[in-house]
Protein backbone atom coordinates (compact mmCIF):
# COMPACT_ATOMS: atom_id res chain seq x y z
CA MET A 1 -33.76 25.91 -65.97
CA GLN A 2 -32.24 24.14 -68.96
CA SER A 3 -29.30 26.55 -69.00
CA LEU A 4 -28.65 25.98 -65.32
CA LEU A 5 -28.81 22.20 -65.67
CA SER A 6 -26.58 22.33 -68.75
CA TYR A 7 -24.03 24.38 -66.82
CA ILE A 8 -24.07 21.93 -63.90
CA LYS A 9 -23.78 19.00 -66.29
CA TRP A 10 -20.78 20.66 -67.96
CA MET A 11 -19.12 21.35 -64.58
CA ILE A 12 -19.61 17.74 -63.47
CA ALA A 13 -18.18 16.38 -66.71
CA SER A 14 -15.28 18.80 -67.07
CA GLN A 15 -14.15 18.51 -63.44
CA ARG A 16 -15.02 14.82 -63.19
CA ILE A 17 -17.14 15.36 -60.10
CA LEU A 18 -18.76 12.29 -58.58
CA ILE A 19 -21.91 14.00 -57.37
CA LYS A 20 -23.95 10.84 -56.92
CA GLN A 21 -21.79 9.56 -54.07
CA GLN A 22 -21.77 12.97 -52.39
CA LEU A 23 -25.57 13.06 -52.34
CA GLN A 24 -26.02 9.39 -51.41
CA ASP A 25 -23.88 9.90 -48.31
CA TYR A 26 -26.73 11.95 -46.82
CA ASP A 27 -29.41 9.38 -47.69
CA ARG A 28 -28.95 7.02 -44.77
CA THR A 29 -32.40 5.44 -45.17
CA LYS A 30 -31.92 4.85 -48.92
CA CYS A 31 -35.25 6.52 -49.73
CA SER A 32 -33.92 8.71 -52.60
CA PHE A 33 -34.60 11.91 -50.67
CA ILE A 34 -32.37 14.24 -48.66
CA THR A 35 -33.12 17.49 -46.90
CA ARG A 36 -32.91 20.81 -48.68
CA GLU A 37 -30.03 21.84 -46.42
CA GLN A 38 -28.05 18.72 -47.30
CA PHE A 39 -28.67 19.26 -51.02
CA VAL A 40 -27.52 22.88 -50.80
CA ARG A 41 -24.46 21.86 -48.79
CA VAL A 42 -23.35 19.44 -51.51
CA LEU A 43 -23.88 22.03 -54.26
CA ASP A 44 -21.90 24.56 -52.25
CA ASN A 45 -19.07 22.17 -51.30
CA LEU A 46 -18.60 21.18 -54.93
CA ASN A 47 -18.79 24.82 -56.10
CA LEU A 48 -21.57 23.97 -58.54
CA VAL A 49 -24.08 26.68 -57.63
CA ARG A 50 -23.55 29.52 -55.19
CA ASN A 51 -26.19 32.00 -56.32
CA GLN A 52 -29.05 31.76 -53.81
CA THR A 53 -31.72 32.45 -56.42
CA LEU A 54 -30.47 29.60 -58.62
CA VAL A 55 -30.24 27.30 -55.60
CA ASP A 56 -33.84 28.13 -54.72
CA ILE A 57 -34.93 27.35 -58.29
CA LEU A 58 -33.20 23.97 -58.19
CA CYS A 59 -34.68 23.15 -54.81
CA LYS A 60 -38.15 24.07 -56.00
CA LYS A 61 -37.81 21.88 -59.10
CA TYR A 62 -36.62 18.80 -57.20
CA ALA A 63 -38.65 19.25 -54.02
CA ARG A 64 -40.85 16.37 -52.98
CA SER A 65 -44.51 17.17 -53.58
CA THR A 66 -45.61 15.90 -50.17
CA ASN A 67 -42.78 17.61 -48.27
CA PRO A 68 -41.08 20.60 -49.93
CA LYS A 69 -38.18 20.39 -47.46
CA GLU A 70 -37.09 17.09 -49.01
CA ILE A 71 -35.23 16.95 -52.32
CA ALA A 72 -35.48 14.08 -54.81
CA TYR A 73 -31.77 13.97 -55.44
CA THR A 74 -32.01 10.92 -57.71
CA ASP A 75 -34.07 12.97 -60.17
CA PHE A 76 -31.42 15.68 -60.06
CA ILE A 77 -28.67 13.13 -60.69
CA SER A 78 -30.46 11.66 -63.68
CA ASP A 79 -30.82 15.15 -65.16
CA VAL A 80 -27.18 16.18 -64.77
CA GLU A 81 -25.07 13.03 -65.07
CA ASP A 82 -24.23 11.32 -68.32
CA ILE A 83 -25.43 7.79 -67.79
CA LYS A 84 -23.68 5.42 -70.13
């Protein structure tokens, strides 16, 4: 998991990807959660992760405990973005 997150962090930094805005666009209710499909769509559109097994691992890690079909994207952002 650490290797995968390090790779994503490197991709975001090296390509100057603004992932936070991409994910927030799907959070219309501002509840810090988006659907699994929306999360996967952003990862795919930004060419961050295309391997289905790795996507499943990420989704499992950031899935909401009460509803596994919802992803806590804010937790993902805090793990992969350099906050200064």
